[in-house]
Amino acid sequence: MLAGSVIRRAWRSVRREVLDPQECASPLGKRVYDLRHTCLTNWLNDGVSPAQVADWAGNSVPVLLAIYARCIVGHLPDLKKRIEAGGDLPDLSER
């Protein structure tokens, strides 16, 4: 086990080596923990179900969505198509 201070110093050093000065000054990967947020956000944006992401992250779905709901982007066109496709269901009132 390494002390948190050792990990933070190594992380700052690596960021300075691999990022250009503008990126290094930004919040991009400022903390090691930020990588977790990036990973979970990417999974959600790639269409992995919130229930699965929550399970992998060790969170409940409500906690996950409270944090990440505003980070999910790009799904609206697909969701609209799926909702509209619901109109193609058979009319069950005729039975």
PDB file of N, CA and C in Angstrom:
ATOM      1  N   MET A   1       0.838  -1.180   0.000  1.00  0.00           N
ATOM      2  CA  MET A   1       0.000   0.000   0.000  1.00  0.00           C
ATOM      3  C   MET A   1       0.887   1.249   0.000  1.00  0.00           C
ATOM      4  N   LEU A   2       0.512   2.183  -0.848  1.00  0.00           N
ATOM      5  CA  LEU A   2       1.218   3.462  -0.888  1.00  0.00           C
ATOM      6  C   LEU A   2       0.385   4.530  -0.195  1.00  0.00           C
ATOM      7  N   ALA A   3       1.060   5.453   0.422  1.00  0.00           N
ATOM      8  CA  ALA A   3       0.366   6.574   1.050  1.00  0.00           C
ATOM      9  C   ALA A   3      -0.258   7.443  -0.030  1.00  0.00           C
ATOM     10  N   GLY A   4      -1.393   8.044   0.294  1.00  0.00           N
ATOM     11  CA  GLY A   4      -2.071   8.921  -0.653  1.00  0.00           C
ATOM     12  C   GLY A   4      -1.185  10.038  -1.147  1.00  0.00           C
ATOM     13  N   SER A   5      -0.338  10.561  -0.275  1.00  0.00           N
ATOM     14  CA  SER A   5       0.538  11.670  -0.668  1.00  0.00           C
ATOM     15  C   SER A   5       1.543  11.224  -1.736  1.00  0.00           C
ATOM     16  N   VAL A   6       2.005   9.983  -1.665  1.00  0.00           N
ATOM     17  CA  VAL A   6       2.941   9.454  -2.659  1.00  0.00           C
ATOM     18  C   VAL A   6       2.241   9.343  -4.016  1.00  0.00           C
ATOM     19  N   ILE A   7       1.034   8.813  -4.001  1.00  0.00           N
ATOM     20  CA  ILE A   7       0.262   8.666  -5.244  1.00  0.00           C
ATOM     21  C   ILE A   7      -0.018  10.037  -5.855  1.00  0.00           C
ATOM     22  N   ARG A   8      -0.417  11.007  -5.018  1.00  0.00           N
ATOM     23  CA  ARG A   8      -0.719  12.351  -5.540  1.00  0.00           C
ATOM     24  C   ARG A   8       0.514  13.008  -6.154  1.00  0.00           C
ATOM     25  N   ARG A   9       1.675  12.871  -5.511  1.00  0.00           N
ATOM     26  CA  ARG A   9       2.907  13.460  -6.067  1.00  0.00           C
ATOM     27  C   ARG A   9       3.262  12.813  -7.401  1.00  0.00           C
ATOM     28  N   ALA A  10       3.163  11.500  -7.477  1.00  0.00           N
ATOM     29  CA  ALA A  10       3.471  10.793  -8.729  1.00  0.00           C
ATOM     30  C   ALA A  10       2.481  11.207  -9.818  1.00  0.00           C
ATOM     31  N   TRP A  11       1.226  11.317  -9.466  1.00  0.00           N
ATOM     32  CA  TRP A  11       0.194  11.703 -10.441  1.00  0.00           C
ATOM     33  C   TRP A  11       0.465  13.097 -10.982  1.00  0.00           C
ATOM     34  N   ARG A  12       0.776  14.055 -10.085  1.00  0.00           N
ATOM     35  CA  ARG A  12       1.086  15.428 -10.546  1.00  0.00           C
ATOM     36  C   ARG A  12       2.291  15.433 -11.482  1.00  0.00           C
ATOM     37  N   SER A  13       3.290  14.652 -11.150  1.00  0.00           N
ATOM     38  CA  SER A  13       4.498  14.588 -11.972  1.00  0.00           C
ATOM     39  C   SER A  13       4.188  14.018 -13.361  1.00  0.00           C
ATOM     40  N   VAL A  14       3.421  12.948 -13.405  1.00  0.00           N
ATOM     41  CA  VAL A  14       3.068  12.324 -14.685  1.00  0.00           C
ATOM     42  C   VAL A  14       2.215  13.271 -15.519  1.00  0.00           C
ATOM     43  N   ARG A  15       1.252  13.952 -14.906  1.00  0.00           N
ATOM     44  CA  ARG A  15       0.403  14.904 -15.645  1.00  0.00           C
ATOM     45  C   ARG A  15       1.267  15.971 -16.314  1.00  0.00           C
ATOM     46  N   ARG A  16       2.259  16.495 -15.582  1.00  0.00           N
ATOM     47  CA  ARG A  16       3.138  17.531 -16.153  1.00  0.00           C
ATOM     48  C   ARG A  16       3.936  16.991 -17.335  1.00  0.00           C
ATOM     49  N   GLU A  17       4.310  15.709 -17.274  1.00  0.00           N
ATOM     50  CA  GLU A  17       5.100  15.110 -18.349  1.00  0.00           C
ATOM     51  C   GLU A  17       4.282  14.831 -19.604  1.00  0.00           C
ATOM     52  N   VAL A  18       3.031  14.405 -19.454  1.00  0.00           N
ATOM     53  CA  VAL A  18       2.274  13.952 -20.619  1.00  0.00           C
ATOM     54  C   VAL A  18       1.283  14.979 -21.170  1.00  0.00           C
ATOM     55  N   LEU A  19       0.908  15.961 -20.383  1.00  0.00           N
ATOM     56  CA  LEU A  19      -0.050  16.958 -20.849  1.00  0.00           C
ATOM     57  C   LEU A  19       0.667  18.234 -21.244  1.00  0.00           C
ATOM     58  N   ASP A  20       0.123  18.933 -22.222  1.00  0.00           N
ATOM     59  CA  ASP A  20       0.707  20.232 -22.545  1.00  0.00           C
ATOM     60  C   ASP A  20       0.334  21.213 -21.425  1.00  0.00           C
ATOM     61  N   PRO A  21       0.998  22.358 -21.344  1.00  0.00           N
ATOM     62  CA  PRO A  21       0.773  23.285 -20.226  1.00  0.00           C
ATOM     63  C   PRO A  21      -0.695  23.700 -20.056  1.00  0.00           C
ATOM     64  N   GLN A  22      -1.406  23.902 -21.158  1.00  0.00           N
ATOM     65  CA  GLN A  22      -2.812  24.304 -21.061  1.00  0.00           C
ATOM     66  C   GLN A  22      -3.656  23.171 -20.465  1.00  0.00           C
ATOM     67  N   GLU A  23      -3.423  21.953 -20.921  1.00  0.00           N
ATOM     68  CA  GLU A  23      -4.158  20.810 -20.371  1.00  0.00           C
ATOM     69  C   GLU A  23      -3.821  20.602 -18.893  1.00  0.00           C
ATOM     70  N   CYS A  24      -2.555  20.762 -18.571  1.00  0.00           N
ATOM     71  CA  CYS A  24      -2.114  20.559 -17.194  1.00  0.00           C
ATOM     72  C   CYS A  24      -2.746  21.596 -16.262  1.00  0.00           C
ATOM     73  N   ALA A  25      -2.982  22.779 -16.746  1.00  0.00           N
ATOM     74  CA  ALA A  25      -3.604  23.834 -15.939  1.00  0.00           C
ATOM     75  C   ALA A  25      -5.109  23.615 -15.793  1.00  0.00           C
ATOM     76  N   SER A  26      -5.675  22.779 -16.664  1.00  0.00           N
ATOM     77  CA  SER A  26      -7.117  22.513 -16.627  1.00  0.00           C
ATOM     78  C   SER A  26      -7.422  21.454 -15.573  1.00  0.00           C
ATOM     79  N   PRO A  27      -8.715  21.221 -15.317  1.00  0.00           N
ATOM     80  CA  PRO A  27      -9.071  20.166 -14.358  1.00  0.00           C
ATOM     81  C   PRO A  27      -8.970  18.747 -14.920  1.00  0.00           C
ATOM     82  N   LEU A  28      -8.552  18.603 -16.186  1.00  0.00           N
ATOM     83  CA  LEU A  28      -8.444  17.299 -16.834  1.00  0.00           C
ATOM     84  C   LEU A  28      -7.595  16.334 -16.000  1.00  0.00           C
ATOM     85  N   GLY A  29      -8.233  15.317 -15.451  1.00  0.00           N
ATOM     86  CA  GLY A  29      -7.509  14.317 -14.669  1.00  0.00           C
ATOM     87  C   GLY A  29      -6.707  14.892 -13.528  1.00  0.00           C
ATOM     88  N   LYS A  30      -7.227  15.949 -12.918  1.00  0.00           N
ATOM     89  CA  LYS A  30      -6.462  16.610 -11.859  1.00  0.00           C
ATOM     90  C   LYS A  30      -6.197  15.668 -10.688  1.00  0.00           C
ATOM     91  N   ARG A  31      -7.166  14.808 -10.403  1.00  0.00           N
ATOM     92  CA  ARG A  31      -6.992  13.822  -9.330  1.00  0.00           C
ATOM     93  C   ARG A  31      -7.105  12.425  -9.931  1.00  0.00           C
ATOM     94  N   VAL A  32      -6.456  11.460  -9.335  1.00  0.00           N
ATOM     95  CA  VAL A  32      -6.567  10.077  -9.791  1.00  0.00           C
ATOM     96  C   VAL A  32      -8.040   9.660  -9.782  1.00  0.00           C
ATOM     97  N   TYR A  33      -8.787  10.103  -8.776  1.00  0.00           N
ATOM     98  CA  TYR A  33     -10.194   9.747  -8.647  1.00  0.00           C
ATOM     99  C   TYR A  33     -11.009  10.245  -9.836  1.00  0.00           C
ATOM    100  N   ASP A  34     -10.546  11.294 -10.527  1.00  0.00           N
ATOM    101  CA  ASP A  34     -11.249  11.799 -11.703  1.00  0.00           C
ATOM    102  C   ASP A  34     -11.345  10.734 -12.798  1.00  0.00           C
ATOM    103  N   LEU A  35     -10.409   9.814 -12.834  1.00  0.00           N
ATOM    104  CA  LEU A  35     -10.442   8.740 -13.829  1.00  0.00           C
ATOM    105  C   LEU A  35     -11.671   7.861 -13.632  1.00  0.00           C
ATOM    106  N   ARG A  36     -12.072   7.681 -12.388  1.00  0.00           N
ATOM    107  CA  ARG A  36     -13.280   6.903 -12.097  1.00  0.00           C
ATOM    108  C   ARG A  36     -14.498   7.602 -12.694  1.00  0.00           C
ATOM    109  N   HIS A  37     -14.585   8.900 -12.473  1.00  0.00           N
ATOM    110  CA  HIS A  37     -15.703   9.662 -13.020  1.00  0.00           C
ATOM    111  C   HIS A  37     -15.729   9.574 -14.548  1.00  0.00           C
ATOM    112  N   THR A  38     -14.574   9.682 -15.158  1.00  0.00           N
ATOM    113  CA  THR A  38     -14.486   9.600 -16.617  1.00  0.00           C
ATOM    114  C   THR A  38     -14.951   8.226 -17.100  1.00  0.00           C
ATOM    115  N   CYS A  39     -14.501   7.190 -16.434  1.00  0.00           N
ATOM    116  CA  CYS A  39     -14.869   5.827 -16.822  1.00  0.00           C
ATOM    117  C   CYS A  39     -16.378   5.620 -16.715  1.00  0.00           C
ATOM    118  N   LEU A  40     -16.967   6.008 -15.593  1.00  0.00           N
ATOM    119  CA  LEU A  40     -18.404   5.805 -15.404  1.00  0.00           C
ATOM    120  C   LEU A  40     -19.209   6.632 -16.398  1.00  0.00           C
ATOM    121  N   THR A  41     -18.786   7.861 -16.645  1.00  0.00           N
ATOM    122  CA  THR A  41     -19.463   8.710 -17.620  1.00  0.00           C
ATOM    123  C   THR A  41     -19.397   8.086 -19.008  1.00  0.00           C
ATOM    124  N   ASN A  42     -18.234   7.573 -19.381  1.00  0.00           N
ATOM    125  CA  ASN A  42     -18.085   6.934 -20.700  1.00  0.00           C
ATOM    126  C   ASN A  42     -18.968   5.705 -20.825  1.00  0.00           C
ATOM    127  N   TRP A  43     -19.034   4.894 -19.780  1.00  0.00           N
ATOM    128  CA  TRP A  43     -19.898   3.715 -19.828  1.00  0.00           C
ATOM    129  C   TRP A  43     -21.351   4.129 -20.048  1.00  0.00           C
ATOM    130  N   LEU A  44     -21.815   5.129 -19.303  1.00  0.00           N
ATOM    131  CA  LEU A  44     -23.197   5.583 -19.450  1.00  0.00           C
ATOM    132  C   LEU A  44     -23.441   6.137 -20.844  1.00  0.00           C
ATOM    133  N   ASN A  45     -22.500   6.927 -21.353  1.00  0.00           N
ATOM    134  CA  ASN A  45     -22.660   7.505 -22.681  1.00  0.00           C
ATOM    135  C   ASN A  45     -22.544   6.464 -23.785  1.00  0.00           C
ATOM    136  N   ASP A  46     -21.908   5.345 -23.495  1.00  0.00           N
ATOM    137  CA  ASP A  46     -21.809   4.258 -24.476  1.00  0.00           C
ATOM    138  C   ASP A  46     -23.030   3.346 -24.437  1.00  0.00           C
ATOM    139  N   GLY A  47     -23.991   3.667 -23.564  1.00  0.00           N
ATOM    140  CA  GLY A  47     -25.237   2.922 -23.532  1.00  0.00           C
ATOM    141  C   GLY A  47     -25.299   1.784 -22.531  1.00  0.00           C
ATOM    142  N   VAL A  48     -24.286   1.643 -21.690  1.00  0.00           N
ATOM    143  CA  VAL A  48     -24.362   0.614 -20.647  1.00  0.00           C
ATOM    144  C   VAL A  48     -25.461   1.049 -19.681  1.00  0.00           C
ATOM    145  N   SER A  49     -26.299   0.119 -19.277  1.00  0.00           N
ATOM    146  CA  SER A  49     -27.437   0.476 -18.433  1.00  0.00           C
ATOM    147  C   SER A  49     -26.956   1.043 -17.096  1.00  0.00           C
ATOM    148  N   PRO A  50     -27.681   2.031 -16.561  1.00  0.00           N
ATOM    149  CA  PRO A  50     -27.308   2.588 -15.255  1.00  0.00           C
ATOM    150  C   PRO A  50     -27.253   1.523 -14.156  1.00  0.00           C
ATOM    151  N   ALA A  51     -28.111   0.519 -14.232  1.00  0.00           N
ATOM    152  CA  ALA A  51     -28.076  -0.543 -13.220  1.00  0.00           C
ATOM    153  C   ALA A  51     -26.746  -1.295 -13.264  1.00  0.00           C
ATOM    154  N   GLN A  52     -26.255  -1.574 -14.476  1.00  0.00           N
ATOM    155  CA  GLN A  52     -24.978  -2.294 -14.605  1.00  0.00           C
ATOM    156  C   GLN A  52     -23.819  -1.417 -14.153  1.00  0.00           C
ATOM    157  N   VAL A  53     -23.815  -0.151 -14.575  1.00  0.00           N
ATOM    158  CA  VAL A  53     -22.739   0.774 -14.180  1.00  0.00           C
ATOM    159  C   VAL A  53     -22.726   0.930 -12.658  1.00  0.00           C
ATOM    160  N   ALA A  54     -23.896   1.073 -12.058  1.00  0.00           N
ATOM    161  CA  ALA A  54     -23.977   1.212 -10.604  1.00  0.00           C
ATOM    162  C   ALA A  54     -23.396  -0.013  -9.918  1.00  0.00           C
ATOM    163  N   ASP A  55     -23.719  -1.194 -10.438  1.00  0.00           N
ATOM    164  CA  ASP A  55     -23.194  -2.432  -9.864  1.00  0.00           C
ATOM    165  C   ASP A  55     -21.678  -2.467  -9.960  1.00  0.00           C
ATOM    166  N   TRP A  56     -21.151  -2.168 -11.140  1.00  0.00           N
ATOM    167  CA  TRP A  56     -19.690  -2.165 -11.313  1.00  0.00           C
ATOM    168  C   TRP A  56     -19.012  -1.137 -10.428  1.00  0.00           C
ATOM    169  N   ALA A  57     -19.669   0.005 -10.218  1.00  0.00           N
ATOM    170  CA  ALA A  57     -19.070   1.092  -9.434  1.00  0.00           C
ATOM    171  C   ALA A  57     -19.274   0.908  -7.938  1.00  0.00           C
ATOM    172  N   GLY A  58     -20.131  -0.041  -7.560  1.00  0.00           N
ATOM    173  CA  GLY A  58     -20.400  -0.239  -6.142  1.00  0.00           C
ATOM    174  C   GLY A  58     -21.335   0.821  -5.587  1.00  0.00           C
ATOM    175  N   ASN A  59     -22.210   1.348  -6.434  1.00  0.00           N
ATOM    176  CA  ASN A  59     -23.177   2.364  -6.027  1.00  0.00           C
ATOM    177  C   ASN A  59     -24.581   1.836  -6.258  1.00  0.00           C
ATOM    178  N   SER A  60     -25.549   2.551  -5.709  1.00  0.00           N
ATOM    179  CA  SER A  60     -26.936   2.277  -6.054  1.00  0.00           C
ATOM    180  C   SER A  60     -27.269   3.100  -7.295  1.00  0.00           C
ATOM    181  N   VAL A  61     -28.314   2.713  -8.009  1.00  0.00           N
ATOM    182  CA  VAL A  61     -28.726   3.463  -9.195  1.00  0.00           C
ATOM    183  C   VAL A  61     -29.100   4.902  -8.826  1.00  0.00           C
ATOM    184  N   PRO A  62     -29.868   5.146  -7.736  1.00  0.00           N
ATOM    185  CA  PRO A  62     -30.182   6.542  -7.394  1.00  0.00           C
ATOM    186  C   PRO A  62     -28.943   7.396  -7.129  1.00  0.00           C
ATOM    187  N   VAL A  63     -27.954   6.824  -6.446  1.00  0.00           N
ATOM    188  CA  VAL A  63     -26.724   7.579  -6.184  1.00  0.00           C
ATOM    189  C   VAL A  63     -25.986   7.850  -7.494  1.00  0.00           C
ATOM    190  N   LEU A  64     -25.878   6.833  -8.336  1.00  0.00           N
ATOM    191  CA  LEU A  64     -25.200   6.996  -9.614  1.00  0.00           C
ATOM    192  C   LEU A  64     -25.858   8.096 -10.449  1.00  0.00           C
ATOM    193  N   LEU A  65     -27.180   8.034 -10.579  1.00  0.00           N
ATOM    194  CA  LEU A  65     -27.878   9.012 -11.414  1.00  0.00           C
ATOM    195  C   LEU A  65     -27.881  10.406 -10.801  1.00  0.00           C
ATOM    196  N   ALA A  66     -27.857  10.486  -9.479  1.00  0.00           N
ATOM    197  CA  ALA A  66     -27.784  11.805  -8.841  1.00  0.00           C
ATOM    198  C   ALA A  66     -26.493  12.509  -9.221  1.00  0.00           C
ATOM    199  N   ILE A  67     -25.449  11.738  -9.421  1.00  0.00           N
ATOM    200  CA  ILE A  67     -24.138  12.319  -9.759  1.00  0.00           C
ATOM    201  C   ILE A  67     -23.956  12.458 -11.265  1.00  0.00           C
ATOM    202  N   TYR A  68     -24.382  11.449 -12.034  1.00  0.00           N
ATOM    203  CA  TYR A  68     -24.019  11.371 -13.445  1.00  0.00           C
ATOM    204  C   TYR A  68     -25.122  11.686 -14.446  1.00  0.00           C
ATOM    205  N   ALA A  69     -26.358  11.885 -13.999  1.00  0.00           N
ATOM    206  CA  ALA A  69     -27.456  12.109 -14.952  1.00  0.00           C
ATOM    207  C   ALA A  69     -27.165  13.279 -15.876  1.00  0.00           C
ATOM    208  N   ARG A  70     -26.565  14.329 -15.376  1.00  0.00           N
ATOM    209  CA  ARG A  70     -26.284  15.504 -16.215  1.00  0.00           C
ATOM    210  C   ARG A  70     -25.103  15.278 -17.165  1.00  0.00           C
ATOM    211  N   CYS A  71     -24.397  14.171 -17.004  1.00  0.00           N
ATOM    212  CA  CYS A  71     -23.248  13.864 -17.864  1.00  0.00           C
ATOM    213  C   CYS A  71     -23.618  12.988 -19.048  1.00  0.00           C
ATOM    214  N   ILE A  72     -24.815  12.427 -19.031  1.00  0.00           N
ATOM    215  CA  ILE A  72     -25.233  11.525 -20.108  1.00  0.00           C
ATOM    216  C   ILE A  72     -25.692  12.380 -21.282  1.00  0.00           C
ATOM    217  N   VAL A  73     -25.033  12.230 -22.403  1.00  0.00           N
ATOM    218  CA  VAL A  73     -25.350  13.040 -23.580  1.00  0.00           C
ATOM    219  C   VAL A  73     -25.466  12.152 -24.811  1.00  0.00           C
ATOM    220  N   GLY A  74     -26.200  12.652 -25.813  1.00  0.00           N
ATOM    221  CA  GLY A  74     -26.248  11.989 -27.102  1.00  0.00           C
ATOM    222  C   GLY A  74     -27.295  10.902 -27.246  1.00  0.00           C
ATOM    223  N   HIS A  75     -28.102  10.669 -26.231  1.00  0.00           N
ATOM    224  CA  HIS A  75     -29.071   9.584 -26.297  1.00  0.00           C
ATOM    225  C   HIS A  75     -30.443  10.039 -26.761  1.00  0.00           C
ATOM    226  N   LEU A  76     -30.695  11.328 -26.817  1.00  0.00           N
ATOM    227  CA  LEU A  76     -32.040  11.827 -27.112  1.00  0.00           C
ATOM    228  C   LEU A  76     -32.587  11.339 -28.455  1.00  0.00           C
ATOM    229  N   PRO A  77     -31.830  11.396 -29.561  1.00  0.00           N
ATOM    230  CA  PRO A  77     -32.386  10.909 -30.833  1.00  0.00           C
ATOM    231  C   PRO A  77     -32.821   9.440 -30.769  1.00  0.00           C
ATOM    232  N   ASP A  78     -32.003   8.602 -30.145  1.00  0.00           N
ATOM    233  CA  ASP A  78     -32.343   7.183 -30.036  1.00  0.00           C
ATOM    234  C   ASP A  78     -33.572   6.989 -29.154  1.00  0.00           C
ATOM    235  N   LEU A  79     -33.641   7.726 -28.060  1.00  0.00           N
ATOM    236  CA  LEU A  79     -34.800   7.601 -27.175  1.00  0.00           C
ATOM    237  C   LEU A  79     -36.078   8.041 -27.869  1.00  0.00           C
ATOM    238  N   LYS A  80     -36.011   9.119 -28.652  1.00  0.00           N
ATOM    239  CA  LYS A  80     -37.187   9.584 -29.389  1.00  0.00           C
ATOM    240  C   LYS A  80     -37.669   8.513 -30.379  1.00  0.00           C
ATOM    241  N   LYS A  81     -36.718   7.878 -31.073  1.00  0.00           N
ATOM    242  CA  LYS A  81     -37.082   6.813 -32.016  1.00  0.00           C
ATOM    243  C   LYS A  81     -37.767   5.653 -31.296  1.00  0.00           C
ATOM    244  N   ARG A  82     -37.235   5.292 -30.134  1.00  0.00           N
ATOM    245  CA  ARG A  82     -37.815   4.184 -29.384  1.00  0.00           C
ATOM    246  C   ARG A  82     -39.214   4.526 -28.890  1.00  0.00           C
ATOM    247  N   ILE A  83     -39.427   5.770 -28.467  1.00  0.00           N
ATOM    248  CA  ILE A  83     -40.755   6.192 -28.015  1.00  0.00           C
ATOM    249  C   ILE A  83     -41.730   6.194 -29.181  1.00  0.00           C
ATOM    250  N   GLU A  84     -41.281   6.747 -30.315  1.00  0.00           N
ATOM    251  CA  GLU A  84     -42.142   6.792 -31.498  1.00  0.00           C
ATOM    252  C   GLU A  84     -42.478   5.389 -31.998  1.00  0.00           C
ATOM    253  N   ALA A  85     -41.555   4.463 -31.884  1.00  0.00           N
ATOM    254  CA  ALA A  85     -41.796   3.087 -32.321  1.00  0.00           C
ATOM    255  C   ALA A  85     -42.891   2.440 -31.479  1.00  0.00           C
ATOM    256  N   GLY A  86     -43.090   2.929 -30.278  1.00  0.00           N
ATOM    257  CA  GLY A  86     -44.162   2.412 -29.435  1.00  0.00           C
ATOM    258  C   GLY A  86     -45.522   2.613 -30.075  1.00  0.00           C
ATOM    259  N   GLY A  87     -45.646   3.608 -30.962  1.00  0.00           N
ATOM    260  CA  GLY A  87     -46.892   3.854 -31.669  1.00  0.00           C
ATOM    261  C   GLY A  87     -47.211   2.765 -32.674  1.00  0.00           C
ATOM    262  N   ASP A  88     -46.246   1.903 -32.985  1.00  0.00           N
ATOM    263  CA  ASP A  88     -46.444   0.811 -33.937  1.00  0.00           C
ATOM    264  C   ASP A  88     -46.978  -0.445 -33.275  1.00  0.00           C
ATOM    265  N   LEU A  89     -47.257  -0.383 -31.967  1.00  0.00           N
ATOM    266  CA  LEU A  89     -47.763  -1.549 -31.279  1.00  0.00           C
ATOM    267  C   LEU A  89     -49.192  -1.851 -31.705  1.00  0.00           C
ATOM    268  N   PRO A  90     -49.599  -3.112 -31.667  1.00  0.00           N
ATOM    269  CA  PRO A  90     -50.965  -3.451 -32.059  1.00  0.00           C
ATOM    270  C   PRO A  90     -51.954  -2.833 -31.078  1.00  0.00           C
ATOM    271  N   ASP A  91     -53.119  -2.489 -31.595  1.00  0.00           N
ATOM    272  CA  ASP A  91     -54.182  -1.909 -30.771  1.00  0.00           C
ATOM    273  C   ASP A  91     -54.862  -3.063 -30.026  1.00  0.00           C
ATOM    274  N   LEU A  92     -54.669  -3.149 -28.743  1.00  0.00           N
ATOM    275  CA  LEU A  92     -55.210  -4.253 -27.953  1.00  0.00           C
ATOM    276  C   LEU A  92     -56.681  -4.042 -27.606  1.00  0.00           C
ATOM    277  N   SER A  93     -57.209  -2.846 -27.831  1.00  0.00           N
ATOM    278  CA  SER A  93     -58.604  -2.580 -27.478  1.00  0.00           C
ATOM    279  C   SER A  93     -59.582  -3.309 -28.411  1.00  0.00           C
ATOM    280  N   GLU A  94     -59.121  -3.788 -29.556  1.00  0.00           N
ATOM    281  CA  GLU A  94     -59.983  -4.481 -30.520  1.00  0.00           C
ATOM    282  C   GLU A  94     -60.184  -5.939 -30.136  1.00  0.00           C
ATOM    283  N   ARG A  95     -59.496  -6.455 -29.197  1.00  0.00           N
ATOM    284  CA  ARG A  95     -59.592  -7.877 -28.830  1.00  0.00           C
ATOM    285  C   ARG A  95     -60.682  -8.125 -27.846  1.00  0.00           C
TER     286      ARG A  95
END
